[in-house]
C-alpha atoms as a PDB file:
ATOM      1  CA  UNK A   1     -18.101 -26.823  46.179  1.00  0.00           C
ATOM      2  CA  UNK A   2     -14.682 -26.766  46.798  1.00  0.00           C
ATOM      3  CA  UNK A   3     -12.683 -24.175  48.253  1.00  0.00           C
ATOM      4  CA  UNK A   4     -11.952 -22.144  44.899  1.00  0.00           C
ATOM      5  CA  UNK A   5     -15.558 -22.549  43.672  1.00  0.00           C
ATOM      6  CA  UNK A   6     -17.091 -20.834  47.079  1.00  0.00           C
ATOM      7  CA  UNK A   7     -14.796 -17.990  46.871  1.00  0.00           C
ATOM      8  CA  UNK A   8     -15.474 -17.819  42.920  1.00  0.00           C
ATOM      9  CA  UNK A   9     -18.816 -17.727  43.637  1.00  0.00           C
ATOM     10  CA  UNK A  10     -19.168 -15.317  46.698  1.00  0.00           C
ATOM     11  CA  UNK A  11     -16.953 -12.807  45.038  1.00  0.00           C
ATOM     12  CA  UNK A  12     -19.147 -12.591  41.505  1.00  0.00           C
ATOM     13  CA  UNK A  13     -21.936 -12.018  43.799  1.00  0.00           C
ATOM     14  CA  UNK A  14     -20.491  -9.375  45.636  1.00  0.00           C
ATOM     15  CA  UNK A  15     -19.333  -7.774  42.055  1.00  0.00           C
ATOM     16  CA  UNK A  16     -22.270  -8.398  40.443  1.00  0.00           C
ATOM     17  CA  UNK A  17     -24.312  -6.592  43.336  1.00  0.00           C
ATOM     18  CA  UNK A  18     -21.708  -3.384  43.332  1.00  0.00           C
ATOM     19  CA  UNK A  19     -21.192  -3.619  39.715  1.00  0.00           C
ATOM     20  CA  UNK A  20     -25.357  -3.603  38.636  1.00  0.00           C
ATOM     21  CA  UNK A  21     -25.634  -0.529  41.249  1.00  0.00           C
ATOM     22  CA  UNK A  22     -22.405   1.427  40.764  1.00  0.00           C
ATOM     23  CA  UNK A  23     -21.233   0.877  43.661  1.00  0.00           C
ATOM     24  CA  UNK A  24     -17.795   0.403  45.810  1.00  0.00           C
ATOM     25  CA  UNK A  25     -16.996  -1.319  48.554  1.00  0.00           C
ATOM     26  CA  UNK A  26     -16.464  -0.793  51.971  1.00  0.00           C
ATOM     27  CA  UNK A  27     -15.497  -3.350  54.574  1.00  0.00           C
ATOM     28  CA  UNK A  28     -14.901  -2.579  58.257  1.00  0.00           C
ATOM     29  CA  UNK A  29     -11.395  -4.572  59.057  1.00  0.00           C
ATOM     30  CA  UNK A  30     -10.785  -5.589  63.382  1.00  0.00           C
ATOM     31  CA  UNK A  31      -7.865  -8.591  62.716  1.00  0.00           C
ATOM     32  CA  UNK A  32      -9.787 -11.094  62.733  1.00  0.00           C
ATOM     33  CA  UNK A  33     -10.472 -14.032  60.222  1.00  0.00           C
ATOM     34  CA  UNK A  34     -14.194 -12.971  58.982  1.00  0.00           C
ATOM     35  CA  UNK A  35     -13.328  -9.465  58.255  1.00  0.00           C
ATOM     36  CA  UNK A  36      -9.706 -10.612  56.445  1.00  0.00           C
ATOM     37  CA  UNK A  37     -12.058 -13.788  54.321  1.00  0.00           C
ATOM     38  CA  UNK A  38     -14.358 -10.515  52.984  1.00  0.00           C
ATOM     39  CA  UNK A  39     -11.950  -7.996  52.397  1.00  0.00           C
ATOM     40  CA  UNK A  40     -10.440 -10.583  50.532  1.00  0.00           C
ATOM     41  CA  UNK A  41     -13.438 -11.168  48.840  1.00  0.00           C
ATOM     42  CA  UNK A  42     -14.359  -8.075  47.732  1.00  0.00           C
ATOM     43  CA  UNK A  43     -10.733  -7.290  46.641  1.00  0.00           C
ATOM     44  CA  UNK A  44     -10.879 -10.228  44.658  1.00  0.00           C
ATOM     45  CA  UNK A  45     -13.959  -8.249  42.436  1.00  0.00           C
ATOM     46  CA  UNK A  46     -11.599  -5.526  41.102  1.00  0.00           C
ATOM     47  CA  UNK A  47     -13.943  -3.090  42.186  1.00  0.00           C
ATOM     48  CA  UNK A  48     -12.564  -0.407  44.336  1.00  0.00           C
ATOM     49  CA  UNK A  49     -12.876  -1.470  47.688  1.00  0.00           C
ATOM     50  CA  UNK A  50     -12.197   0.409  51.130  1.00  0.00           C
ATOM     51  CA  UNK A  51     -10.476  -1.253  53.916  1.00  0.00           C
ATOM     52  CA  UNK A  52     -11.121   0.704  57.439  1.00  0.00           C
ATOM     53  CA  UNK A  53      -9.553  -0.012  60.505  1.00  0.00           C
ATOM     54  CA  UNK A  54     -11.517   1.896  63.570  1.00  0.00           C
ATOM     55  CA  UNK A  55      -9.512   1.577  66.423  1.00  0.00           C
ATOM     56  CA  UNK A  56     -11.264   2.860  70.252  1.00  0.00           C
ATOM     57  CA  UNK A  57      -8.780   1.047  72.642  1.00  0.00           C
ATOM     58  CA  UNK A  58      -8.485  -1.420  71.169  1.00  0.00           C
ATOM     59  CA  UNK A  59      -5.892  -4.394  71.436  1.00  0.00           C
ATOM     60  CA  UNK A  60      -2.346  -3.792  70.095  1.00  0.00           C
ATOM     61  CA  UNK A  61      -2.387  -7.357  69.124  1.00  0.00           C
ATOM     62  CA  UNK A  62      -5.457  -6.888  67.137  1.00  0.00           C
ATOM     63  CA  UNK A  63      -4.633  -3.303  65.280  1.00  0.00           C
ATOM     64  CA  UNK A  64      -1.097  -4.760  64.542  1.00  0.00           C
ATOM     65  CA  UNK A  65      -2.645  -7.875  62.420  1.00  0.00           C
ATOM     66  CA  UNK A  66      -5.280  -5.887  61.067  1.00  0.00           C
ATOM     67  CA  UNK A  67      -2.637  -3.517  59.797  1.00  0.00           C
ATOM     68  CA  UNK A  68      -0.560  -6.451  58.119  1.00  0.00           C
ATOM     69  CA  UNK A  69      -4.084  -7.947  56.832  1.00  0.00           C
ATOM     70  CA  UNK A  70      -4.475  -4.286  54.853  1.00  0.00           C
ATOM     71  CA  UNK A  71      -0.250  -4.368  53.899  1.00  0.00           C
ATOM     72  CA  UNK A  72      -0.965  -7.787  52.457  1.00  0.00           C
ATOM     73  CA  UNK A  73      -3.984  -7.057  50.453  1.00  0.00           C
ATOM     74  CA  UNK A  74      -2.914  -3.882  49.233  1.00  0.00           C
ATOM     75  CA  UNK A  75       0.516  -5.775  47.636  1.00  0.00           C
ATOM     76  CA  UNK A  76      -1.811  -8.767  46.195  1.00  0.00           C
ATOM     77  CA  UNK A  77      -4.623  -5.747  45.191  1.00  0.00           C
ATOM     78  CA  UNK A  78      -4.188  -2.170  43.220  1.00  0.00           C
ATOM     79  CA  UNK A  79      -7.914  -1.884  43.833  1.00  0.00           C
ATOM     80  CA  UNK A  80      -7.843  -1.250  47.578  1.00  0.00           C
ATOM     81  CA  UNK A  81      -7.814   1.955  49.569  1.00  0.00           C
ATOM     82  CA  UNK A  82      -6.903   2.414  53.418  1.00  0.00           C
ATOM     83  CA  UNK A  83      -8.730   4.006  55.749  1.00  0.00           C
ATOM     84  CA  UNK A  84      -7.551   4.279  59.272  1.00  0.00           C
ATOM     85  CA  UNK A  85     -10.216   6.159  61.465  1.00  0.00           C
ATOM     86  CA  UNK A  86      -8.905   6.523  65.367  1.00  0.00           C
ATOM     87  CA  UNK A  87     -12.363   6.710  66.994  1.00  0.00           C
ATOM     88  CA  UNK A  88     -11.008   6.342  70.802  1.00  0.00           C
ATOM     89  CA  UNK A  89     -11.815  10.148  71.673  1.00  0.00           C
ATOM     90  CA  UNK A  90     -15.138   9.799  70.047  1.00  0.00           C
ATOM     91  CA  UNK A  91     -15.604   7.374  72.384  1.00  0.00           C
ATOM     92  CA  UNK A  92     -14.111   9.033  75.414  1.00  0.00           C
ATOM     93  CA  UNK A  93     -16.486  12.101  74.840  1.00  0.00           C
ATOM     94  CA  UNK A  94     -19.256   9.784  74.310  1.00  0.00           C
ATOM     95  CA  UNK A  95     -18.979   8.287  77.586  1.00  0.00           C
ATOM     96  CA  UNK A  96     -18.428  11.172  79.383  1.00  0.00           C
ATOM     97  CA  UNK A  97     -21.970  12.506  78.598  1.00  0.00           C
ATOM     98  CA  UNK A  98     -23.638   9.644  80.877  1.00  0.00           C
ATOM     99  CA  UNK A  99     -20.928   9.768  83.651  1.00  0.00           C
ATOM    100  CA  UNK A 100     -23.055   9.284  86.608  1.00  0.00           C
ATOM    101  CA  UNK A 101     -25.698   7.888  85.351  1.00  0.00           C
ATOM    102  CA  UNK A 102     -25.013   4.207  86.071  1.00  0.00           C
ATOM    103  CA  UNK A 103     -23.271   3.086  82.591  1.00  0.00           C
ATOM    104  CA  UNK A 104     -24.571  -0.681  81.378  1.00  0.00           C
ATOM    105  CA  UNK A 105     -20.602  -2.121  80.403  1.00  0.00           C
ATOM    106  CA  UNK A 106     -22.571  -4.065  77.444  1.00  0.00           C
ATOM    107  CA  UNK A 107     -24.003  -0.834  76.646  1.00  0.00           C
ATOM    108  CA  UNK A 108     -20.993   1.024  76.261  1.00  0.00           C
ATOM    109  CA  UNK A 109     -19.104  -1.810  74.573  1.00  0.00           C
ATOM    110  CA  UNK A 110     -21.914  -2.360  72.120  1.00  0.00           C
ATOM    111  CA  UNK A 111     -21.401   1.412  71.893  1.00  0.00           C
ATOM    112  CA  UNK A 112     -18.074   0.932  70.239  1.00  0.00           C
ATOM    113  CA  UNK A 113     -19.808  -1.367  67.662  1.00  0.00           C
ATOM    114  CA  UNK A 114     -22.094   1.226  66.293  1.00  0.00           C
ATOM    115  CA  UNK A 115     -20.036   4.179  66.092  1.00  0.00           C
ATOM    116  CA  UNK A 116     -17.793   2.085  63.888  1.00  0.00           C
ATOM    117  CA  UNK A 117     -20.970   1.635  61.660  1.00  0.00           C
ATOM    118  CA  UNK A 118     -21.448   5.417  61.552  1.00  0.00           C
ATOM    119  CA  UNK A 119     -17.916   5.743  60.473  1.00  0.00           C
ATOM    120  CA  UNK A 120     -18.164   3.189  57.766  1.00  0.00           C
ATOM    121  CA  UNK A 121     -20.834   4.451  56.390  1.00  0.00           C
ATOM    122  CA  UNK A 122     -19.762   7.838  56.019  1.00  0.00           C
ATOM    123  CA  UNK A 123     -16.530   6.455  54.165  1.00  0.00           C
ATOM    124  CA  UNK A 124     -19.260   4.776  51.872  1.00  0.00           C
ATOM    125  CA  UNK A 125     -21.693   7.932  51.550  1.00  0.00           C
ATOM    126  CA  UNK A 126     -18.455   9.912  50.596  1.00  0.00           C
ATOM    127  CA  UNK A 127     -16.930   6.804  48.037  1.00  0.00           C
ATOM    128  CA  UNK A 128     -20.594   6.105  46.593  1.00  0.00           C
ATOM    129  CA  UNK A 129     -20.196   2.393  48.314  1.00  0.00           C
ATOM    130  CA  UNK A 130     -21.914  -0.069  50.372  1.00  0.00           C
ATOM    131  CA  UNK A 131     -20.541  -1.237  53.528  1.00  0.00           C
ATOM    132  CA  UNK A 132     -20.374  -5.326  53.227  1.00  0.00           C
ATOM    133  CA  UNK A 133     -21.217  -7.013  56.040  1.00  0.00           C
ATOM    134  CA  UNK A 134     -18.485  -9.562  58.163  1.00  0.00           C
ATOM    135  CA  UNK A 135     -20.429 -12.397  60.100  1.00  0.00           C
ATOM    136  CA  UNK A 136     -20.724 -15.831  59.396  1.00  0.00           C
ATOM    137  CA  UNK A 137     -23.641 -17.740  59.595  1.00  0.00           C
ATOM    138  CA  UNK A 138     -23.158 -19.330  63.137  1.00  0.00           C
ATOM    139  CA  UNK A 139     -23.587 -15.185  64.320  1.00  0.00           C
ATOM    140  CA  UNK A 140     -26.044 -13.871  62.260  1.00  0.00           C
ATOM    141  CA  UNK A 141     -28.758 -16.791  62.416  1.00  0.00           C
ATOM    142  CA  UNK A 142     -27.563 -19.200  64.971  1.00  0.00           C
ATOM    143  CA  UNK A 143     -27.346 -17.406  68.535  1.00  0.00           C
ATOM    144  CA  UNK A 144     -27.214 -13.397  67.295  1.00  0.00           C
ATOM    145  CA  UNK A 145     -23.578 -12.295  69.014  1.00  0.00           C
ATOM    146  CA  UNK A 146     -23.352  -9.720  66.686  1.00  0.00           C
ATOM    147  CA  UNK A 147     -24.280  -5.990  68.008  1.00  0.00           C
ATOM    148  CA  UNK A 148     -28.247  -4.451  66.562  1.00  0.00           C
ATOM    149  CA  UNK A 149     -27.486  -2.156  64.623  1.00  0.00           C
ATOM    150  CA  UNK A 150     -23.486  -2.012  64.851  1.00  0.00           C
ATOM    151  CA  UNK A 151     -21.563  -4.360  63.048  1.00  0.00           C
ATOM    152  CA  UNK A 152     -25.018  -5.980  62.052  1.00  0.00           C
ATOM    153  CA  UNK A 153     -25.908  -2.944  60.264  1.00  0.00           C
ATOM    154  CA  UNK A 154     -24.347  -3.282  56.455  1.00  0.00           C
ATOM    155  CA  UNK A 155     -25.908  -3.323  53.135  1.00  0.00           C
ATOM    156  CA  UNK A 156     -24.853  -7.373  51.814  1.00  0.00           C
ATOM    157  CA  UNK A 157     -23.493 -10.154  53.542  1.00  0.00           C
ATOM    158  CA  UNK A 158     -21.490 -12.771  51.459  1.00  0.00           C
ATOM    159  CA  UNK A 159     -20.262 -14.767  54.029  1.00  0.00           C
ATOM    160  CA  UNK A 160     -23.723 -15.225  56.302  1.00  0.00           C
ATOM    161  CA  UNK A 161     -24.244 -18.112  54.803  1.00  0.00           C
ATOM    162  CA  UNK A 162     -20.545 -19.893  55.790  1.00  0.00           C
ATOM    163  CA  UNK A 163     -19.747 -21.572  59.215  1.00  0.00           C
ATOM    164  CA  UNK A 164     -16.933 -20.343  61.061  1.00  0.00           C
ATOM    165  CA  UNK A 165     -15.193 -23.766  59.647  1.00  0.00           C
ATOM    166  CA  UNK A 166     -16.030 -23.519  56.205  1.00  0.00           C
ATOM    167  CA  UNK A 167     -14.526 -19.237  56.860  1.00  0.00           C
ATOM    168  CA  UNK A 168     -11.319 -21.126  57.942  1.00  0.00           C
ATOM    169  CA  UNK A 169     -11.083 -23.353  55.075  1.00  0.00           C
ATOM    170  CA  UNK A 170     -11.578 -20.723  52.735  1.00  0.00           C
ATOM    171  CA  UNK A 171      -8.978 -18.309  54.404  1.00  0.00           C
ATOM    172  CA  UNK A 172      -6.426 -21.126  54.885  1.00  0.00           C
ATOM    173  CA  UNK A 173      -7.129 -21.688  50.480  1.00  0.00           C
ATOM    174  CA  UNK A 174      -6.847 -17.271  49.992  1.00  0.00           C
ATOM    175  CA  UNK A 175      -3.458 -18.001  51.777  1.00  0.00           C
ATOM    176  CA  UNK A 176      -4.523 -14.993  54.150  1.00  0.00           C
ATOM    177  CA  UNK A 177      -1.864 -14.143  57.129  1.00  0.00           C
ATOM    178  CA  UNK A 178      -1.600 -17.537  59.378  1.00  0.00           C
ATOM    179  CA  UNK A 179      -1.881 -14.779  62.489  1.00  0.00           C
ATOM    180  CA  UNK A 180      -4.892 -14.230  61.638  1.00  0.00           C
ATOM    181  CA  UNK A 181      -6.524 -16.879  61.193  1.00  0.00           C
ATOM    182  CA  UNK A 182      -5.171 -18.709  64.323  1.00  0.00           C
ATOM    183  CA  UNK A 183      -6.229 -15.552  66.307  1.00  0.00           C
ATOM    184  CA  UNK A 184      -8.517 -16.942  68.990  1.00  0.00           C
ATOM    185  CA  UNK A 185     -12.035 -14.966  68.154  1.00  0.00           C
ATOM    186  CA  UNK A 186     -13.126 -11.969  69.517  1.00  0.00           C
ATOM    187  CA  UNK A 187     -15.417  -9.222  68.954  1.00  0.00           C
ATOM    188  CA  UNK A 188     -13.180  -6.660  70.232  1.00  0.00           C
ATOM    189  CA  UNK A 189     -15.440  -4.750  72.207  1.00  0.00           C
ATOM    190  CA  UNK A 190     -13.723  -5.066  75.321  1.00  0.00           C
ATOM    191  CA  UNK A 191     -10.308  -3.525  77.199  1.00  0.00           C
ATOM    192  CA  UNK A 192      -9.302  -7.280  78.379  1.00  0.00           C
ATOM    193  CA  UNK A 193      -8.169 -10.079  76.287  1.00  0.00           C
ATOM    194  CA  UNK A 194     -11.636 -11.946  76.423  1.00  0.00           C
ATOM    195  CA  UNK A 195     -12.711 -13.903  73.228  1.00  0.00           C
ATOM    196  CA  UNK A 196     -16.206 -14.881  71.829  1.00  0.00           C
ATOM    197  CA  UNK A 197     -15.565 -18.705  73.623  1.00  0.00           C
ATOM    198  CA  UNK A 198     -15.544 -16.835  76.881  1.00  0.00           C
ATOM    199  CA  UNK A 199     -18.359 -14.848  76.547  1.00  0.00           C
ATOM    200  CA  UNK A 200     -20.421 -17.526  74.447  1.00  0.00           C
ATOM    201  CA  UNK A 201     -19.613 -20.309  76.978  1.00  0.00           C
ATOM    202  CA  UNK A 202     -18.984 -23.048  73.719  1.00  0.00           C
ATOM    203  CA  UNK A 203     -16.649 -23.198  70.738  1.00  0.00           C
ATOM    204  CA  UNK A 204     -18.092 -22.176  67.197  1.00  0.00           C
ATOM    205  CA  UNK A 205     -17.650 -25.620  66.279  1.00  0.00           C
ATOM    206  CA  UNK A 206     -19.826 -26.631  69.198  1.00  0.00           C
ATOM    207  CA  UNK A 207     -22.373 -23.870  68.365  1.00  0.00           C
ATOM    208  CA  UNK A 208     -21.901 -24.897  64.399  1.00  0.00           C
ATOM    209  CA  UNK A 209     -22.950 -28.537  65.995  1.00  0.00           C
ATOM    210  CA  UNK A 210     -25.474 -27.422  68.058  1.00  0.00           C
ATOM    211  CA  UNK A 211     -26.889 -25.219  65.060  1.00  0.00           C
ATOM    212  CA  UNK A 212     -27.408 -28.282  62.871  1.00  0.00           C
ATOM    213  CA  UNK A 213     -29.033 -30.184  65.524  1.00  0.00           C
ATOM    214  CA  UNK A 214     -31.567 -28.252  66.823  1.00  0.00           C
ATOM    215  CA  UNK A 215     -32.576 -27.100  63.476  1.00  0.00           C
ATOM    216  CA  UNK A 216     -32.559 -30.612  61.736  1.00  0.00           C
ATOM    217  CA  UNK A 217     -34.915 -31.650  64.400  1.00  0.00           C
ATOM    218  CA  UNK A 218     -33.470 -34.686  65.091  1.00  0.00           C
ATOM    219  CA  UNK A 219     -32.876 -36.456  68.185  1.00  0.00           C
ATOM    220  CA  UNK A 220     -29.574 -38.306  68.685  1.00  0.00           C
ATOM    221  CA  UNK A 221     -27.843 -39.694  72.112  1.00  0.00           C
ATOM    222  CA  UNK A 222     -25.877 -36.626  73.143  1.00  0.00           C
ATOM    223  CA  UNK A 223     -23.161 -36.813  76.192  1.00  0.00           C
ATOM    224  CA  UNK A 224     -22.997 -33.451  79.007  1.00  0.00           C
ATOM    225  CA  UNK A 225     -20.663 -31.593  77.033  1.00  0.00           C
ATOM    226  CA  UNK A 226     -23.433 -31.760  74.022  1.00  0.00           C
ATOM    227  CA  UNK A 227     -26.120 -31.185  75.978  1.00  0.00           C
ATOM    228  CA  UNK A 228     -24.800 -28.349  77.441  1.00  0.00           C
ATOM    229  CA  UNK A 229     -23.768 -26.561  74.342  1.00  0.00           C
ATOM    230  CA  UNK A 230     -27.198 -26.914  73.089  1.00  0.00           C
ATOM    231  CA  UNK A 231     -29.325 -25.182  76.056  1.00  0.00           C
ATOM    232  CA  UNK A 232     -25.778 -22.433  75.680  1.00  0.00           C
ATOM    233  CA  UNK A 233     -27.145 -21.936  71.813  1.00  0.00           C
ATOM    234  CA  UNK A 234     -30.877 -22.092  72.784  1.00  0.00           C
ATOM    235  CA  UNK A 235     -30.484 -19.491  75.430  1.00  0.00           C
ATOM    236  CA  UNK A 236     -28.205 -17.361  72.420  1.00  0.00           C
ATOM    237  CA  UNK A 237     -30.983 -17.789  70.240  1.00  0.00           C
ATOM    238  CA  UNK A 238     -33.676 -17.369  72.276  1.00  0.00           C
ATOM    239  CA  UNK A 239     -32.348 -13.553  73.951  1.00  0.00           C
ATOM    240  CA  UNK A 240     -30.959 -12.425  70.360  1.00  0.00           C
ATOM    241  CA  UNK A 241     -33.761 -13.565  68.116  1.00  0.00           C
ATOM    242  CA  UNK A 242     -35.354 -10.061  67.743  1.00  0.00           C
ATOM    243  CA  UNK A 243     -31.960  -9.236  66.138  1.00  0.00           C
ATOM    244  CA  UNK A 244     -32.387 -11.958  63.502  1.00  0.00           C
ATOM    245  CA  UNK A 245     -36.139 -11.061  62.650  1.00  0.00           C
ATOM    246  CA  UNK A 246     -37.371  -7.658  60.951  1.00  0.00           C
ATOM    247  CA  UNK A 247     -38.224  -5.151  63.152  1.00  0.00           C
ATOM    248  CA  UNK A 248     -42.083  -5.444  64.875  1.00  0.00           C
ATOM    249  CA  UNK A 249     -44.208  -3.618  62.426  1.00  0.00           C
ATOM    250  CA  UNK A 250     -47.516  -2.427  64.457  1.00  0.00           C
ATOM    251  CA  UNK A 251     -50.189  -2.954  61.778  1.00  0.00           C
ATOM    252  CA  UNK A 252     -53.372  -0.643  61.234  1.00  0.00           C
ATOM    253  CA  UNK A 253     -56.372  -2.452  59.734  1.00  0.00           C
END
């Protein structure tokens, strides 16, 4: 399928689900390419689309990109409503409750994502909406690079079968702001400049290759870097597998 066909298919899929159940659409917009694409696809449905920016000590360039994207959306679509909810002080209060208890830095970073999830569901409850996920295929089903019950807490996942390369192709096709397309992917949970690649140790293009290699079961000659990427992929998949499967249930005979 070409980009036009894919964008129309996803937009219609979102529309069919929302209209069948009488929902509006709620999307968190971070300044990254995934949320920019998803919010554009939602806006294309013509259904009331609530785009929400939720800075929690977020880097200024990320906030600026998010706001530029919202302005771009509203210039093209009349069904887009913007909400800005700064939860920095809420996060400060949350963090203060654990002072002196050996705060885990990763757990604290993930708490930002979970606070955003709570805010998105409050918007959804207020406007009869569903929370639309922004995770791509590699994040959601490859390495599990998302926060459980944070950005992983959604009602539908329209781009979870698209690789990052396909996301970029579609974003270019829809003429999403170039600053967003070119920005290094980041989860925006840290107060420094670390990117997804810094945290994972491989680019999304490398992870796409590794995911295809591992899942296909092929045994091909690989160079040293490819061997490293395969090990990175397997490490993250094994460590994060609990995010990608249903919650275990103790079955009583």
